[in-house]
Protein backbone atom coordinates (compact mmCIF):
# COMPACT_ATOMS: atom_id res chain seq x y z
CA MET A 1 -0.03 -0.03 0.02
CA GLY A 2 1.25 3.42 -0.71
CA ILE A 3 0.47 6.69 1.25
CA VAL A 4 -0.04 9.70 -1.20
CA SER A 5 -0.20 13.46 0.12
CA VAL A 6 -2.61 15.51 -2.02
CA GLN A 7 -3.19 19.34 -1.82
CA ILE A 8 -6.28 20.60 -3.51
CA HIS A 9 -6.67 24.30 -4.36
CA GLY A 10 -10.26 25.47 -4.21
CA GLN A 11 -11.66 28.41 -6.17
CA ASN A 12 -11.77 30.60 -3.25
CA GLY A 13 -8.05 30.16 -2.49
CA THR A 14 -8.49 27.86 0.50
CA SER A 15 -6.76 24.63 0.55
CA VAL A 16 -7.63 21.11 1.97
CA SER A 17 -4.98 18.59 2.71
CA GLY A 18 -5.41 14.87 3.43
CA ALA A 19 -4.05 11.31 2.95
CA ALA A 20 -5.35 8.91 0.54
CA GLN A 21 -4.33 5.24 0.79
CA THR A 22 -4.31 3.33 -2.49
CA PRO A 23 -3.01 -0.04 -3.59
CA ALA A 24 0.48 0.08 -5.09
CA ALA A 25 -0.66 -1.72 -8.14
CA ALA A 26 -3.36 0.80 -8.89
CA GLN A 27 -1.10 3.82 -8.25
CA ALA A 28 1.26 3.66 -11.27
CA THR A 29 2.64 7.16 -10.79
CA PRO A 30 2.43 8.65 -7.39
CA ALA A 31 1.66 12.46 -7.33
CA ALA A 32 3.70 15.17 -5.62
CA THR A 33 3.63 18.90 -5.30
CA ASP A 34 6.30 21.46 -5.94
CA PRO A 35 6.56 24.91 -4.12
CA THR A 36 4.43 26.55 -6.92
CA GLY A 37 1.54 24.32 -6.19
CA LYS A 38 1.76 22.49 -9.42
CA VAL A 39 1.33 18.67 -9.48
CA SER A 40 4.35 16.73 -10.82
CA LYS A 41 4.84 13.07 -11.40
CA THR A 42 7.63 11.08 -9.92
CA GLU A 43 8.92 7.62 -10.88
CA PRO A 44 7.18 4.69 -9.06
CA GLN A 45 9.20 3.08 -6.15
CA GLU A 46 9.81 -0.58 -6.31
CA GLU A 47 8.47 -2.49 -3.44
CA HIS A 48 10.17 -5.54 -1.78
CA PRO A 49 8.20 -8.40 -0.05
CA ASP A 50 8.71 -8.60 3.78
CA PRO A 51 10.79 -11.73 4.38
CA THR A 52 9.31 -12.18 7.83
CA LYS A 53 5.81 -12.63 6.42
CA ARG A 54 6.47 -15.02 3.62
CA ARG A 55 5.43 -18.61 4.12
CA LEU A 56 8.13 -20.84 5.65
CA THR A 57 9.39 -23.99 3.94
CA ASP A 58 8.97 -27.34 5.77
CA ARG A 59 12.61 -27.30 6.64
CA GLU A 60 12.64 -23.79 7.92
CA ARG A 61 9.40 -24.54 9.96
CA ILE A 62 11.10 -27.70 11.47
CA GLN A 63 14.16 -25.65 12.38
CA GLN A 64 12.04 -22.94 13.87
CA ASN A 65 10.25 -25.35 16.17
CA LYS A 66 13.47 -26.96 17.31
CA TYR A 67 14.89 -23.53 18.14
CA LEU A 68 11.70 -22.50 20.03
CA LYS A 69 11.74 -25.66 22.21
CA SER A 70 15.45 -25.25 22.92
CA GLU A 71 14.96 -21.67 23.80
CA ILE A 72 13.94 -22.60 27.30
CA LYS A 73 17.23 -24.25 27.93
CA ALA A 74 19.26 -21.35 26.51
CA ASP A 75 17.31 -18.84 28.74
CA SER A 76 18.69 -19.50 32.38
CA SER A 77 15.84 -17.56 33.95
CA TRP A 78 13.18 -19.96 32.59
CA ASN A 79 15.29 -23.05 33.29
CA LYS A 80 15.77 -21.82 36.93
CA TRP A 81 12.02 -21.32 37.38
CA LEU A 82 11.04 -24.70 36.06
CA ASN A 83 14.00 -26.81 37.45
CA GLN A 84 14.60 -25.05 40.74
CA ASP A 85 11.94 -22.59 41.92
CA VAL A 86 8.89 -24.80 41.45
CA VAL A 87 10.46 -28.27 40.81
CA TRP A 88 8.92 -29.79 43.96
CA ILE A 89 5.36 -28.44 43.40
CA ILE A 90 4.75 -28.30 39.75
CA THR A 91 2.82 -31.31 38.32
CA ASP A 92 3.94 -33.50 35.46
CA GLN A 93 1.08 -32.25 33.19
CA GLU A 94 2.15 -28.56 33.97
CA VAL A 95 5.78 -29.36 33.04
CA ALA A 96 4.76 -30.82 29.75
CA ALA A 97 2.60 -27.83 28.96
CA PHE A 98 5.35 -25.38 29.87
CA LYS A 99 7.86 -27.14 27.70
CA SER A 100 5.53 -26.94 24.70
CA LEU A 101 5.23 -23.03 24.94
CA LYS A 102 6.74 -21.22 22.02
CA ASN A 103 7.79 -17.89 23.24
CA ASP A 104 8.43 -15.78 26.34
CA GLU A 105 4.93 -14.10 26.25
CA GLU A 106 3.44 -17.41 26.56
CA ARG A 107 5.69 -18.54 29.27
CA GLU A 108 5.08 -15.30 31.22
CA GLN A 109 1.36 -15.90 30.95
CA PHE A 110 1.80 -19.49 31.98
CA VAL A 111 3.69 -18.53 35.20
CA GLU A 112 1.05 -15.87 36.03
CA ASN A 113 -1.59 -18.45 35.83
CA PHE A 114 0.49 -21.07 37.58
CA TRP A 115 0.57 -18.88 40.71
CA LEU A 116 -2.98 -17.61 40.24
CA ARG A 117 -4.19 -21.28 40.38
CA ARG A 118 -2.61 -21.69 43.77
CA ASN A 119 -3.63 -18.39 45.26
CA PRO A 120 -5.86 -18.98 48.24
CA ASN A 121 -7.42 -15.64 47.64
CA PRO A 122 -7.52 -14.90 43.80
CA GLU A 123 -9.04 -11.43 44.30
CA SER A 124 -6.00 -10.24 46.39
CA PRO A 125 -3.08 -8.56 44.54
CA ASP A 126 -0.72 -10.40 46.93
CA ASN A 127 -0.41 -14.17 46.28
CA GLU A 128 0.10 -15.63 49.71
CA PHE A 129 0.93 -19.08 48.46
CA ARG A 130 3.69 -17.71 46.23
CA GLU A 131 5.27 -15.58 49.01
CA GLN A 132 5.05 -18.59 51.40
CA HIS A 133 6.66 -20.82 48.71
CA TYR A 134 9.62 -18.51 48.15
CA ALA A 135 10.03 -18.03 52.01
CA ARG A 136 10.29 -21.81 52.38
CA ILE A 137 13.07 -21.95 49.65
CA ALA A 138 14.98 -19.25 51.50
CA TYR A 139 14.57 -21.10 54.77
CA ALA A 140 15.66 -24.31 53.15
CA ASN A 141 18.75 -22.82 51.61
CA GLU A 142 19.70 -21.31 54.96
CA HIS A 143 19.08 -24.36 57.11
CA PHE A 144 19.63 -27.45 55.03
CA ALA A 145 22.55 -26.65 52.75
CA ALA A 146 25.12 -29.56 52.64
CA GLY A 147 27.70 -29.03 49.86
CA LYS A 148 24.65 -28.20 47.76
CA PRO A 149 21.78 -25.68 48.00
CA GLY A 150 19.28 -26.60 50.69
CA TRP A 151 16.34 -26.84 48.29
CA ARG A 152 18.03 -29.77 46.65
CA THR A 153 18.25 -31.86 49.73
CA ASP A 154 15.55 -34.15 51.10
CA ARG A 155 14.71 -32.03 53.99
CA GLY A 156 14.48 -29.00 51.80
CA HIS A 157 12.27 -30.90 49.37
CA VAL A 158 9.85 -31.98 52.18
CA TYR A 159 9.92 -28.42 53.82
CA ILE A 160 9.27 -26.60 50.55
CA ALA A 161 6.35 -29.06 49.48
CA TYR A 162 4.68 -29.50 52.83
CA GLY A 163 5.93 -26.65 55.17
CA LYS A 164 7.27 -26.92 58.73
CA PRO A 165 6.50 -30.09 60.56
CA ASP A 166 4.45 -30.07 63.67
CA SER A 167 7.27 -31.37 65.73
CA ILE A 168 10.92 -32.52 65.20
CA ASP A 169 12.76 -35.17 67.25
CA SER A 170 16.42 -34.00 66.63
CA HIS A 171 19.70 -35.90 67.30
CA PRO A 172 22.18 -33.56 65.64
CA SER A 173 25.23 -35.23 67.12
CA GLY A 174 23.95 -38.87 67.09
CA GLY A 175 25.60 -40.83 69.89
CA ASN A 176 24.02 -43.21 72.41
CA TYR A 177 20.50 -44.19 71.47
CA GLN A 178 18.10 -46.42 73.39
CA ARG A 179 16.02 -48.09 70.68
CA PRO A 180 12.23 -48.27 71.12
CA ILE A 181 10.83 -51.68 71.42
CA ASP A 182 9.35 -51.64 67.92
CA GLU A 183 12.85 -51.07 66.53
CA GLY A 184 14.03 -54.10 68.51
CA GLY A 185 15.09 -52.54 71.93
CA GLY A 186 18.63 -52.50 73.25
CA SER A 187 21.10 -49.64 72.93
CA THR A 188 23.49 -48.56 70.17
CA SER A 189 25.10 -45.52 68.91
CA THR A 190 23.68 -43.49 65.97
CA PHE A 191 24.54 -41.09 63.12
CA PRO A 192 22.80 -37.74 63.38
CA PHE A 193 19.12 -38.16 62.50
CA GLU A 194 15.79 -36.30 62.72
CA VAL A 195 12.30 -37.46 62.82
CA TRP A 196 9.65 -35.02 61.44
CA HIS A 197 6.20 -35.52 62.64
CA TYR A 198 3.22 -33.97 60.65
CA ARG A 199 -0.21 -34.35 62.29
CA TYR A 200 -1.68 -34.23 58.74
CA ILE A 201 -0.72 -33.75 55.10
CA GLU A 202 -3.39 -33.33 52.38
CA GLY A 203 -3.48 -36.22 50.06
CA ILE A 204 -1.19 -38.41 52.17
CA GLY A 205 -2.59 -38.99 55.58
CA ASP A 206 -2.41 -38.46 59.45
CA ASN A 207 0.19 -38.69 62.00
CA LEU A 208 3.20 -39.12 59.64
CA ASP A 209 6.66 -39.66 60.91
CA LEU A 210 9.44 -38.97 58.34
CA GLU A 211 13.00 -39.97 59.42
CA PHE A 212 16.08 -38.37 57.88
CA VAL A 213 19.53 -39.68 58.54
CA ASP A 214 23.03 -38.04 58.10
CA SER A 215 24.97 -41.21 57.51
CA CYS A 216 27.74 -39.19 55.84
CA GLN A 217 27.91 -36.73 58.82
CA CYS A 218 28.10 -33.97 56.38
CA ASN A 219 24.71 -32.25 57.04
CA ASP A 220 23.08 -34.03 54.05
CA TYR A 221 20.10 -35.72 55.84
CA HIS A 222 18.30 -38.03 53.50
CA LEU A 223 14.72 -39.37 53.82
CA THR A 224 15.12 -43.13 54.63
CA LEU A 225 12.78 -46.14 54.58
CA ASP A 226 14.96 -48.13 56.79
CA ARG A 227 15.12 -46.98 60.38
CA SER A 228 18.23 -49.14 61.05
CA GLU A 229 20.10 -46.79 58.70
CA LYS A 230 20.86 -44.46 61.53
CA ASP A 231 22.64 -47.33 63.56
CA ALA A 232 26.33 -46.53 63.42
CA LEU A 233 27.22 -49.89 64.81
CA LYS A 234 24.99 -51.96 62.61
CA HIS A 235 27.84 -53.51 60.83
CA THR A 236 30.16 -53.91 63.94
CA PRO A 237 30.08 -57.49 65.29
CA GLY A 238 28.96 -57.80 68.79
CA ALA A 239 28.13 -54.14 69.23
CA GLY A 240 24.89 -52.22 69.31
CA LEU A 241 22.86 -55.51 69.99
CA THR A 242 18.99 -55.53 70.14
CA LEU A 243 17.08 -56.93 73.07
CA TYR A 244 16.72 -60.42 71.38
CA GLU A 245 20.40 -60.54 70.42
CA GLU A 246 21.53 -59.66 73.99
CA MET A 247 19.33 -62.57 75.28
CA GLY A 248 20.80 -64.89 72.71
CA MET A 249 17.35 -65.50 71.12
CA THR A 250 18.77 -64.36 67.65
CA ASP A 251 21.96 -63.57 65.98
CA LYS A 252 22.99 -60.13 64.69
CA LYS A 253 23.97 -61.47 61.23
CA ASP A 254 20.34 -62.57 60.88
CA ARG A 255 19.49 -58.89 60.42
CA PHE A 256 21.01 -59.12 56.90
CA ASN A 257 19.48 -62.41 55.79
CA GLY A 258 15.88 -61.01 55.18
CA SER A 259 14.59 -59.25 52.15
CA GLY A 260 12.50 -56.58 53.93
CA LEU A 261 12.88 -52.89 53.62
CA GLU A 262 14.36 -52.54 57.07
CA GLN A 263 17.25 -54.32 58.95
CA LEU A 264 16.12 -53.95 62.42
CA GLY A 265 16.57 -57.46 63.50
CA ASN A 266 14.20 -59.93 65.07
CA GLY A 267 12.25 -58.68 68.11
CA PRO A 268 9.01 -58.67 70.10
CA TYR A 269 7.18 -56.84 67.33
CA ALA A 270 9.16 -58.07 64.28
CA ALA A 271 6.04 -59.63 62.77
CA SER A 272 3.85 -56.49 63.00
CA GLN A 273 6.80 -54.33 61.72
CA GLN A 274 7.04 -56.43 58.56
CA SER A 275 3.51 -55.47 57.57
CA LYS A 276 4.07 -51.88 58.50
CA GLN A 277 6.96 -51.62 56.04
CA PHE A 278 4.44 -51.46 53.23
CA ASP A 279 2.75 -48.45 54.86
CA ARG A 280 6.22 -46.91 55.01
CA LEU A 281 6.87 -47.51 51.34
CA SER A 282 3.35 -46.10 50.49
CA THR A 283 4.00 -42.95 52.62
CA TYR A 284 7.50 -42.54 50.99
CA ALA A 285 5.98 -42.91 47.45
CA LYS A 286 3.14 -40.41 48.22
CA ILE A 287 5.50 -37.87 49.59
CA MET A 288 7.59 -37.98 46.47
CA ALA A 289 4.88 -38.44 43.87
CA PRO A 290 1.10 -38.20 43.52
CA PRO A 291 -0.93 -41.41 44.19
CA PRO A 292 -1.56 -43.75 41.27
CA ILE A 293 -4.92 -44.01 39.72
CA LYS A 294 -6.10 -47.67 39.78
CA PHE A 295 -9.25 -47.28 37.66
CA LYS A 296 -7.85 -45.35 34.72
CA ASP A 297 -11.06 -45.80 32.68
CA LEU A 298 -13.06 -44.01 35.26
CA GLU A 299 -10.51 -41.07 35.66
CA GLN A 300 -11.70 -39.53 32.30
CA TYR A 301 -15.16 -38.82 33.73
CA ILE A 302 -13.50 -36.73 36.48
CA SER A 303 -10.87 -34.97 34.37
CA LYS A 304 -13.00 -34.36 31.23
CA SER A 305 -16.60 -33.76 30.30
CA VAL A 306 -17.25 -37.21 28.78
CA ILE A 307 -20.76 -38.12 27.46
CA LEU A 308 -22.17 -41.14 28.95
CA LYS A 309 -22.78 -43.90 26.32
CA GLY A 310 -25.28 -45.93 28.25
CA PRO A 311 -28.11 -45.11 30.81
CA PRO A 312 -26.73 -43.28 33.82
CA PHE A 313 -25.95 -45.28 36.97
CA TYR A 314 -27.78 -43.44 39.79
CA PHE A 315 -26.54 -43.38 43.37
CA ASP A 316 -26.90 -41.28 46.47
CA VAL A 317 -24.20 -39.57 48.51
CA ARG A 318 -24.19 -38.13 52.12
CA THR A 319 -21.45 -36.05 53.56
CA ASP A 320 -20.91 -35.33 57.41
CA TYR A 321 -18.28 -33.60 59.43
CA VAL A 322 -16.66 -34.59 62.66
CA LYS A 323 -13.80 -32.77 64.40
CA VAL A 324 -10.46 -34.48 64.93
CA THR A 325 -8.23 -31.56 65.78
CA ASN A 326 -8.32 -27.78 65.19
CA ASP A 327 -6.67 -28.37 61.85
CA THR A 328 -8.25 -31.59 60.78
CA VAL A 329 -11.94 -32.52 60.11
CA LEU A 330 -13.15 -36.06 59.31
CA MET A 331 -15.65 -36.02 56.34
CA PRO A 332 -17.50 -39.39 56.23
CA LEU A 333 -18.81 -40.03 52.69
CA THR A 334 -21.65 -42.58 52.45
CA LEU A 335 -22.63 -43.78 49.03
CA GLN A 336 -25.91 -45.73 48.63
CA ILE A 337 -26.36 -47.98 45.63
CA ARG A 338 -29.51 -49.86 44.74
CA ASN A 339 -29.12 -53.45 43.95
CA ARG A 340 -31.83 -53.12 41.07
CA ASP A 341 -29.37 -50.75 39.37
CA VAL A 342 -26.40 -53.24 39.53
CA THR A 343 -26.01 -55.95 36.75
CA PHE A 344 -25.57 -59.42 38.29
CA GLN A 345 -24.06 -62.43 36.68
CA THR A 346 -25.11 -65.94 37.81
CA LYS A 347 -22.55 -68.85 38.03
CA ASP A 348 -23.01 -72.05 40.05
CA GLY A 349 -26.04 -70.80 41.71
CA VAL A 350 -24.54 -67.56 42.97
CA SER A 351 -25.33 -64.16 41.41
CA THR A 352 -22.59 -61.55 41.77
CA GLY A 353 -22.72 -57.79 41.08
CA THR A 354 -19.57 -55.74 41.15
CA VAL A 355 -19.14 -51.99 41.30
CA ASN A 356 -15.91 -49.93 40.91
CA ILE A 357 -15.64 -46.70 42.75
CA LEU A 358 -13.28 -43.86 42.18
CA GLY A 359 -13.37 -40.63 44.16
CA GLN A 360 -11.30 -37.51 44.14
CA VAL A 361 -11.30 -34.51 46.51
CA SER A 362 -9.61 -31.30 45.18
CA ASN A 363 -9.10 -27.89 46.73
CA ILE A 364 -9.96 -24.43 45.19
CA ASN A 365 -6.55 -24.50 43.59
CA HIS A 366 -7.62 -27.56 41.69
CA ARG A 367 -4.96 -29.66 43.52
CA ILE A 368 -6.03 -33.30 44.30
CA VAL A 369 -5.76 -33.70 47.98
CA GLN A 370 -7.47 -37.08 48.40
CA THR A 371 -8.03 -40.16 46.09
CA PHE A 372 -9.94 -43.09 46.98
CA GLU A 373 -10.69 -46.33 44.90
CA ASP A 374 -12.53 -49.40 45.95
CA THR A 375 -14.60 -52.32 44.56
CA VAL A 376 -17.93 -53.24 46.11
CA THR A 377 -19.09 -56.74 45.38
CA VAL A 378 -22.61 -58.11 46.22
CA GLN A 379 -23.09 -61.93 46.19
CA VAL A 380 -26.57 -63.59 46.71
CA PRO A 381 -27.86 -67.02 46.02
CA SER A 382 -29.56 -66.86 42.64
CA GLU A 383 -32.95 -67.94 44.12
CA PHE A 384 -32.93 -64.87 46.38
CA LEU A 385 -31.73 -62.43 43.73
CA ALA A 386 -35.31 -61.08 43.01
CA ARG A 387 -35.74 -60.34 46.62
CA GLU A 388 -32.26 -58.74 47.09
CA GLN A 389 -32.72 -56.44 44.26
CA ALA A 390 -35.11 -54.48 46.34
CA GLN A 391 -32.25 -53.83 48.96
CA ARG A 392 -29.67 -51.18 48.96
CA ASN A 393 -25.92 -51.27 49.77
CA LEU A 394 -23.79 -48.71 51.47
CA TYR A 395 -20.12 -47.72 50.91
CA TRP A 396 -18.34 -45.62 53.50
CA LYS A 397 -15.09 -43.71 53.11
CA SER A 398 -13.79 -41.43 55.87
CA VAL A 399 -11.69 -38.57 54.45
CA PRO A 400 -9.60 -36.20 56.71
CA LEU A 401 -9.38 -32.66 55.48
CA ARG A 402 -8.31 -29.26 56.63
CA PRO A 403 -11.11 -26.66 56.98
CA GLY A 404 -11.93 -24.91 53.64
CA ILE A 405 -13.83 -25.36 50.36
CA TYR A 406 -13.37 -28.41 48.22
CA LYS A 407 -14.86 -30.21 45.27
CA ILE A 408 -15.76 -33.85 45.44
CA ASP A 409 -15.93 -36.03 42.22
CA ILE A 410 -17.21 -39.68 42.45
CA VAL A 411 -17.58 -42.00 39.60
CA ILE A 412 -18.98 -45.51 39.78
CA LYS A 413 -18.95 -48.33 37.05
CA ASP A 414 -21.12 -51.35 36.79
CA VAL A 415 -18.36 -53.96 35.99
CA ASN A 416 -20.76 -56.35 34.33
CA ASN A 417 -22.19 -53.67 32.08
CA PRO A 418 -19.14 -51.34 31.22
CA ASP A 419 -21.32 -48.65 29.66
CA HIS A 420 -23.26 -48.24 32.79
CA ILE A 421 -21.50 -45.27 34.42
CA GLY A 422 -22.62 -42.96 37.28
CA THR A 423 -21.05 -39.53 38.33
CA TRP A 424 -21.51 -37.32 41.20
CA ARG A 425 -19.96 -33.88 41.76
CA ARG A 426 -20.45 -31.39 44.58
CA SER A 427 -18.54 -28.54 46.37
CA VAL A 428 -18.39 -28.79 50.07
CA ASN A 429 -17.37 -26.32 52.86
CA VAL A 430 -15.47 -28.13 55.58
CA PRO A 431 -16.06 -26.21 58.66
CA LYS A 432 -13.42 -24.74 60.93
CA TYR A 433 -13.99 -25.42 64.76
CA ASP A 434 -12.41 -22.54 66.61
CA ASP A 435 -11.34 -23.16 70.17
CA GLU A 436 -13.44 -20.46 71.86
CA ARG A 437 -16.54 -21.10 69.95
CA LEU A 438 -19.29 -23.66 71.03
CA ALA A 439 -19.83 -25.94 68.07
CA ALA A 440 -21.06 -29.26 66.97
CA SER A 441 -20.44 -32.02 64.40
CA SER A 442 -23.15 -33.00 61.86
CA LEU A 443 -26.21 -34.55 63.20
CA ILE A 444 -26.31 -37.98 61.77
CA LEU A 445 -29.60 -39.97 61.63
CA ALA A 446 -28.56 -43.56 61.55
CA SER A 447 -30.16 -46.75 60.35
CA SER A 448 -28.20 -48.56 63.08
CA MET A 449 -25.89 -47.72 65.92
CA ALA A 450 -23.71 -49.84 68.23
CA ARG A 451 -20.56 -49.80 70.29
CA VAL A 452 -17.59 -51.50 68.93
CA PRO A 453 -15.06 -53.69 70.53
CA THR A 454 -11.93 -51.90 72.00
CA LYS A 455 -9.65 -53.24 69.26
CA GLU A 456 -11.90 -51.63 66.67
CA ILE A 457 -12.23 -48.25 68.14
CA GLY A 458 -11.47 -45.50 65.48
CA ALA A 459 -11.07 -48.12 62.69
CA GLY A 460 -13.30 -49.80 60.20
CA ASN A 461 -16.21 -48.97 58.10
CA PHE A 462 -18.86 -46.65 59.58
CA VAL A 463 -16.81 -46.38 62.91
CA ILE A 464 -16.58 -42.87 64.40
CA GLY A 465 -14.63 -43.16 67.78
CA ASN A 466 -16.02 -46.12 69.68
CA THR A 467 -19.34 -46.32 67.90
CA LYS A 468 -20.49 -47.87 64.57
CA VAL A 469 -22.96 -45.33 63.04
CA VAL A 470 -24.50 -46.43 59.81
CA PRO A 471 -26.11 -43.31 58.34
CA SER A 472 -29.42 -43.23 56.62
CA VAL A 473 -29.06 -41.86 53.10
CA SER A 474 -31.72 -39.87 51.24
CA SER A 475 -31.85 -39.43 47.52
CA SER A 476 -31.04 -35.66 47.92
CA PRO A 477 -29.97 -33.29 50.71
CA MET A 478 -33.52 -31.69 50.36
CA VAL A 479 -35.32 -34.94 50.72
CA PRO A 480 -35.79 -36.46 54.33
CA VAL A 481 -34.76 -39.83 55.16
CA ILE A 482 -37.46 -42.56 55.53
CA TYR A 483 -38.09 -44.77 58.50
CA LYS A 484 -40.67 -47.48 59.02
CA ARG A 485 -42.73 -47.47 62.16
CA ASN A 486 -41.19 -50.77 63.29
CA GLN A 487 -37.80 -49.21 63.24
CA ASN A 488 -35.79 -47.15 65.78
CA LEU A 489 -34.72 -43.63 65.14
CA ASN A 490 -31.08 -43.42 65.90
CA PHE A 491 -29.05 -40.13 66.01
CA TRP A 492 -25.48 -39.21 66.77
CA MET A 493 -23.79 -35.92 67.26
CA GLN A 494 -20.74 -34.53 69.05
CA VAL A 495 -20.54 -31.14 70.85
CA TYR A 496 -17.16 -29.22 70.97
CA ASN A 497 -15.67 -26.49 73.07
CA LEU A 498 -17.77 -26.53 76.11
CA GLY A 499 -16.89 -23.97 78.67
CA ILE A 500 -14.95 -25.23 81.75
CA ASP A 501 -15.32 -23.51 85.13
CA ASP A 502 -12.09 -22.13 86.40
CA LYS A 503 -12.77 -23.26 89.96
CA SER A 504 -14.69 -26.57 89.67
CA LYS A 505 -12.88 -27.61 86.47
CA GLN A 506 -16.25 -28.93 85.19
CA ASN A 507 -18.52 -28.13 82.28
CA ASN A 508 -22.22 -27.04 82.81
CA ALA A 509 -24.34 -27.21 79.63
CA GLU A 510 -27.83 -28.28 79.03
CA ILE A 511 -28.82 -30.48 76.15
CA ASN A 512 -32.45 -30.32 74.90
CA TYR A 513 -33.90 -32.86 72.53
CA GLU A 514 -37.19 -32.47 70.64
CA VAL A 515 -38.93 -34.41 67.99
CA VAL A 516 -41.33 -31.89 66.18
CA ASP A 517 -44.32 -32.81 63.97
CA LEU A 518 -43.89 -30.57 60.98
CA ALA A 519 -47.48 -30.75 60.11
CA SER A 520 -48.52 -29.08 63.34
CA ASN A 521 -45.28 -27.62 64.26
CA LYS A 522 -45.63 -29.03 67.77
CA ALA A 523 -43.11 -31.17 69.81
CA VAL A 524 -44.24 -34.77 70.27
CA LEU A 525 -41.30 -35.59 72.37
CA GLN A 526 -39.15 -33.44 74.66
CA THR A 527 -36.30 -34.35 77.12
CA SER A 528 -33.06 -32.82 78.43
CA GLU A 529 -29.91 -33.86 80.19
CA SER A 530 -26.92 -32.01 81.66
CA THR A 531 -23.26 -32.47 80.44
CA ALA A 532 -22.19 -32.38 84.09
CA LYS A 533 -23.74 -35.73 84.46
CA MET A 534 -22.34 -37.21 81.21
CA ASN A 535 -18.68 -36.23 81.14
CA PRO A 536 -18.29 -33.37 83.69
CA ASN A 537 -14.57 -32.63 83.05
CA ALA A 538 -14.49 -32.66 79.31
CA ASP A 539 -14.92 -29.88 76.79
CA GLN A 540 -16.43 -32.38 74.40
CA VAL A 541 -19.38 -34.81 74.63
CA THR A 542 -20.82 -37.37 72.36
CA LEU A 543 -24.62 -37.63 72.18
CA GLU A 544 -26.14 -41.03 71.13
CA LYS A 545 -29.78 -41.62 71.31
CA SER A 546 -32.14 -44.23 70.07
CA MET A 547 -36.01 -44.21 70.14
CA PRO A 548 -38.74 -46.46 68.73
CA LEU A 549 -41.04 -44.97 66.12
CA ALA A 550 -44.14 -47.12 66.88
CA SER A 551 -45.87 -44.36 68.81
CA LEU A 552 -45.46 -41.77 65.87
CA GLN A 553 -48.15 -41.60 63.18
CA PRO A 554 -47.01 -41.52 59.51
CA GLY A 555 -45.91 -38.11 58.62
CA LYS A 556 -42.93 -35.57 58.53
CA TYR A 557 -40.95 -34.82 61.60
CA GLN A 558 -37.86 -33.22 62.64
CA VAL A 559 -35.10 -33.89 65.36
CA LEU A 560 -33.98 -30.75 67.03
CA ILE A 561 -31.07 -30.61 69.38
CA LYS A 562 -30.32 -27.42 71.39
CA VAL A 563 -27.10 -26.95 73.50
CA ASN A 564 -27.10 -24.19 76.12
CA ASP A 565 -23.62 -23.71 77.74
CA GLY A 566 -23.98 -22.18 81.17
CA ILE A 567 -20.15 -21.46 81.38
CA SER A 568 -19.44 -19.64 78.10
CA LYS A 569 -23.09 -18.33 77.67
CA GLN A 570 -23.19 -19.63 74.15
CA GLU A 571 -26.02 -21.60 72.40
CA ILE A 572 -26.09 -23.69 69.34
CA SER A 573 -28.68 -26.07 67.60
CA GLN A 574 -28.70 -28.67 65.02
CA SER A 575 -31.85 -30.24 63.28
CA ALA A 576 -32.51 -32.99 60.75
CA PRO A 577 -35.94 -33.96 59.10
CA PHE A 578 -37.22 -37.48 58.69
CA THR A 579 -40.36 -39.12 57.44
CA VAL A 580 -42.26 -41.93 59.11
CA GLU A 581 -44.29 -44.38 56.89
């Protein structure tokens, strides 16, 4: 295109000047003006094509792509960001995406979004996560350097990824060490070592002990799977014997004959320690990498918007919340699957239905913090199959989480009918239980409730504390659970942060229970009790009640529990609707 300046003289002596844009091909002889105002013609100027805008040959395009991909290696700032700054927190998918970027503008946009996704408060101009991350790198470099930067050490890796441990058992000089009985007992001498204890790490678990050993005595503590690695006398004959070795019940050389992960030697708890080695290996793998996905075919229904090929597989989900510590809340998930929706196969007189379950819990930064996978199998004699199809099966998973907002994705698959897939997705707000605030867990209406043996306390399906609570699940949070008149209504709830009197060291709260007929809005049952008679010295009480429903007429009702704390002068209430048929 050519730009031509034109001056036009009007009849009244005025002039108007402007710019006319014309194609070079149509403008054979551009016009110009001389000082007298006459129009003169000049020779056309030859235009040359822009070499940057021409189409590249295949060879040039390949060379350009190779150059763009190698640019990140040549640019030390991008290389440092990828392989140093974020090496312990970036996902494999993000690494692959970053390496495929073609220019600095795209990389700058990627880095901006990388931190934005992890910002706990996206609307704030200050990214708390990024600031905390770089503060952790600085701390690691200052405290964990060992002939290499602190961020490259195992302690630096764990500190940067998961933060400061809740407690550290440190032995910086090693020396004399009395082994605990689960390590074989007896005394020995050790290299410097540390045990980091985390009460909870998202996506990994509770009460984690990570042991670091400085076997080179050069301040390079490495994360170890084998607790005997800290034993400086392990390879010294006759020294640092375990309890059984001192008693002549085993020989020290037997420590090295096994094929386990640890060389602790035989002892009172050797058999149980063998099984725990797998737990240690699992923890180590989770610390260093995300958990593997077992049901790969189901993962696509969580990560992508995949259209279901067959009829949807319906199921119901209930979520509850129970306080564990100030920083940890237990979220029991209860899945209800109807047998009539499961495909059964009959063989040798036995009908079997199998359902695969995959669940993921992710935080607001889209980071997966919990993954659970399981297979539910239902087996019934084939002659009873028609009757059993009217029944329902429950699956229970207890997920520990920090307070905050999360997204839950659950996918189930009917194994005998691969196109029969069900999905469920919800956001949840896990409550925070403050020390000074009277609070309560979820009020759980249960189909059954019973105390468990001592050895099963805190473990097993549907077990909360020392009680097995099997929740009643409805088809929707807005739909009340249904009971028959020949059943019992069971309900369970915990109350937290009761006030304690400074002088008597006892609580003083009144618990009021009501069952309200929603049709008349009148209480059909009222009773109360005092926490001083239940557990007078505790700031937490568990409410477990059971009542027959035979006296209630069919209709809609509500359980209402009110807590009035006479010490802290606070009140709370919880309610849950139900229907009697």
